[in-house]
């Protein structure tokens, strides 16, 4: 049984930092491209950042470039999102997603973690 469990969300003031974690189990973690998505109230879910299987390549939505860093540890089966210089518009539920690099039907989502940026 595949499980993705996000943690690390919370309430932070503008300009603050948070680090999200996504712990994976029940899958061969290194076979999966991992990504972070977010969904704000009344908005569609959007891709925030993606990282390749070995962590060698990453990509970000323009709005978080230079502030967020995605990383992964294939020994700990965990992905991270370091979020700095947070803005109120970063407020959303953040989800992690695992997508197998060849078996396109093998896609899994976590339950989400709330990030609220407010003074």
Protein backbone atom coordinates (compact mmCIF):
# COMPACT_ATOMS: atom_id res chain seq x y z
CA UNK A 1 0.00 0.00 0.00
CA UNK A 2 1.47 3.28 -1.15
CA UNK A 3 1.40 6.16 1.28
CA UNK A 4 2.58 9.73 0.90
CA UNK A 5 2.46 11.73 4.12
CA UNK A 6 3.11 15.46 4.09
CA UNK A 7 4.16 17.38 7.18
CA UNK A 8 5.67 20.71 8.15
CA UNK A 9 2.83 23.06 7.30
CA UNK A 10 1.56 25.74 9.62
CA UNK A 11 1.06 29.44 10.20
CA UNK A 12 3.95 31.76 9.42
CA UNK A 13 4.36 35.51 9.07
CA UNK A 14 5.19 37.10 5.70
CA UNK A 15 8.90 36.82 5.05
CA UNK A 16 9.17 33.67 7.15
CA UNK A 17 10.22 30.15 6.23
CA UNK A 18 8.83 26.65 6.40
CA UNK A 19 10.12 23.27 5.31
CA UNK A 20 7.61 20.72 4.08
CA UNK A 21 8.35 17.01 4.03
CA UNK A 22 6.72 14.19 2.09
CA UNK A 23 7.49 10.74 3.45
CA UNK A 24 6.82 7.90 1.01
CA UNK A 25 6.27 4.22 1.74
CA UNK A 26 5.09 1.19 -0.20
CA UNK A 27 6.88 2.15 -3.41
CA UNK A 28 10.35 2.17 -4.92
CA UNK A 29 10.94 5.84 -4.25
CA UNK A 30 13.84 6.26 -6.67
CA UNK A 31 11.60 5.15 -9.57
CA UNK A 32 9.28 8.10 -9.10
CA UNK A 33 9.40 11.67 -10.29
CA UNK A 34 8.26 13.71 -7.32
CA UNK A 35 6.48 17.04 -7.26
CA UNK A 36 4.76 19.55 -5.02
CA UNK A 37 1.40 21.07 -5.91
CA UNK A 38 -0.70 23.59 -4.07
CA UNK A 39 -4.33 24.62 -4.06
CA UNK A 40 -5.58 27.90 -2.67
CA UNK A 41 -9.25 28.44 -1.79
CA UNK A 42 -11.32 28.94 -4.93
CA UNK A 43 -8.39 28.18 -7.23
CA UNK A 44 -7.24 25.21 -9.25
CA UNK A 45 -4.44 23.03 -8.04
CA UNK A 46 -1.14 24.20 -9.52
CA UNK A 47 2.27 22.62 -9.93
CA UNK A 48 4.82 24.32 -7.70
CA UNK A 49 8.00 22.30 -8.20
CA UNK A 50 9.18 19.01 -9.64
CA UNK A 51 12.31 16.94 -9.14
CA UNK A 52 13.67 14.08 -11.20
CA UNK A 53 14.33 10.60 -9.84
CA UNK A 54 17.94 11.19 -8.88
CA UNK A 55 17.40 14.81 -7.90
CA UNK A 56 19.61 16.05 -10.69
CA UNK A 57 17.01 18.30 -12.28
CA UNK A 58 14.37 20.54 -10.79
CA UNK A 59 11.82 22.98 -12.11
CA UNK A 60 9.63 25.61 -10.48
CA UNK A 61 6.63 27.74 -11.25
CA UNK A 62 7.77 31.30 -11.87
CA UNK A 63 6.08 32.68 -8.76
CA UNK A 64 8.32 30.67 -6.41
CA UNK A 65 11.63 30.74 -8.27
CA UNK A 66 14.44 31.95 -6.05
CA UNK A 67 12.36 31.41 -2.89
CA UNK A 68 11.50 27.70 -2.84
CA UNK A 69 13.85 24.73 -3.13
CA UNK A 70 12.74 21.17 -3.82
CA UNK A 71 14.97 18.28 -2.83
CA UNK A 72 14.79 14.57 -2.11
CA UNK A 73 16.59 11.90 -0.13
CA UNK A 74 16.30 8.52 -1.85
CA UNK A 75 17.70 6.75 1.21
CA UNK A 76 15.08 8.21 3.54
CA UNK A 77 12.33 8.00 0.88
CA UNK A 78 11.48 11.61 1.57
CA UNK A 79 11.01 14.74 -0.50
CA UNK A 80 11.28 18.27 0.84
CA UNK A 81 10.20 21.78 -0.05
CA UNK A 82 12.15 24.56 1.60
CA UNK A 83 10.06 27.71 1.41
CA UNK A 84 11.69 31.06 2.17
CA UNK A 85 10.49 34.66 1.93
CA UNK A 86 6.93 33.46 2.16
CA UNK A 87 4.14 35.70 0.92
CA UNK A 88 0.42 35.74 1.72
CA UNK A 89 -0.24 34.49 -1.80
CA UNK A 90 1.64 31.30 -0.94
CA UNK A 91 -1.22 30.36 1.37
CA UNK A 92 -2.64 27.04 0.18
CA UNK A 93 -2.88 23.35 0.89
CA UNK A 94 0.34 21.78 -0.36
CA UNK A 95 0.27 18.26 -1.81
CA UNK A 96 3.02 15.90 -2.82
CA UNK A 97 2.69 13.70 -5.86
CA UNK A 98 4.62 10.64 -6.99
CA UNK A 99 4.58 9.62 -10.66
CA UNK A 100 6.38 6.51 -11.89
CA UNK A 101 8.85 7.34 -14.62
CA UNK A 102 7.49 4.71 -17.06
CA UNK A 103 4.23 3.30 -15.67
CA UNK A 104 2.01 6.31 -16.22
CA UNK A 105 -0.89 4.81 -14.27
CA UNK A 106 1.17 4.70 -11.10
CA UNK A 107 0.43 8.15 -9.73
CA UNK A 108 -0.09 8.81 -6.03
CA UNK A 109 -1.02 11.84 -3.96
CA UNK A 110 -0.61 12.77 -0.33
CA UNK A 111 -3.40 14.14 1.82
CA UNK A 112 -2.02 17.68 1.90
CA UNK A 113 -0.69 20.06 4.52
CA UNK A 114 -1.97 23.57 5.13
CA UNK A 115 0.38 26.53 4.79
CA UNK A 116 -0.95 29.88 5.93
CA UNK A 117 1.09 33.06 5.52
CA UNK A 118 -0.41 35.89 7.52
CA UNK A 119 0.53 38.58 9.99
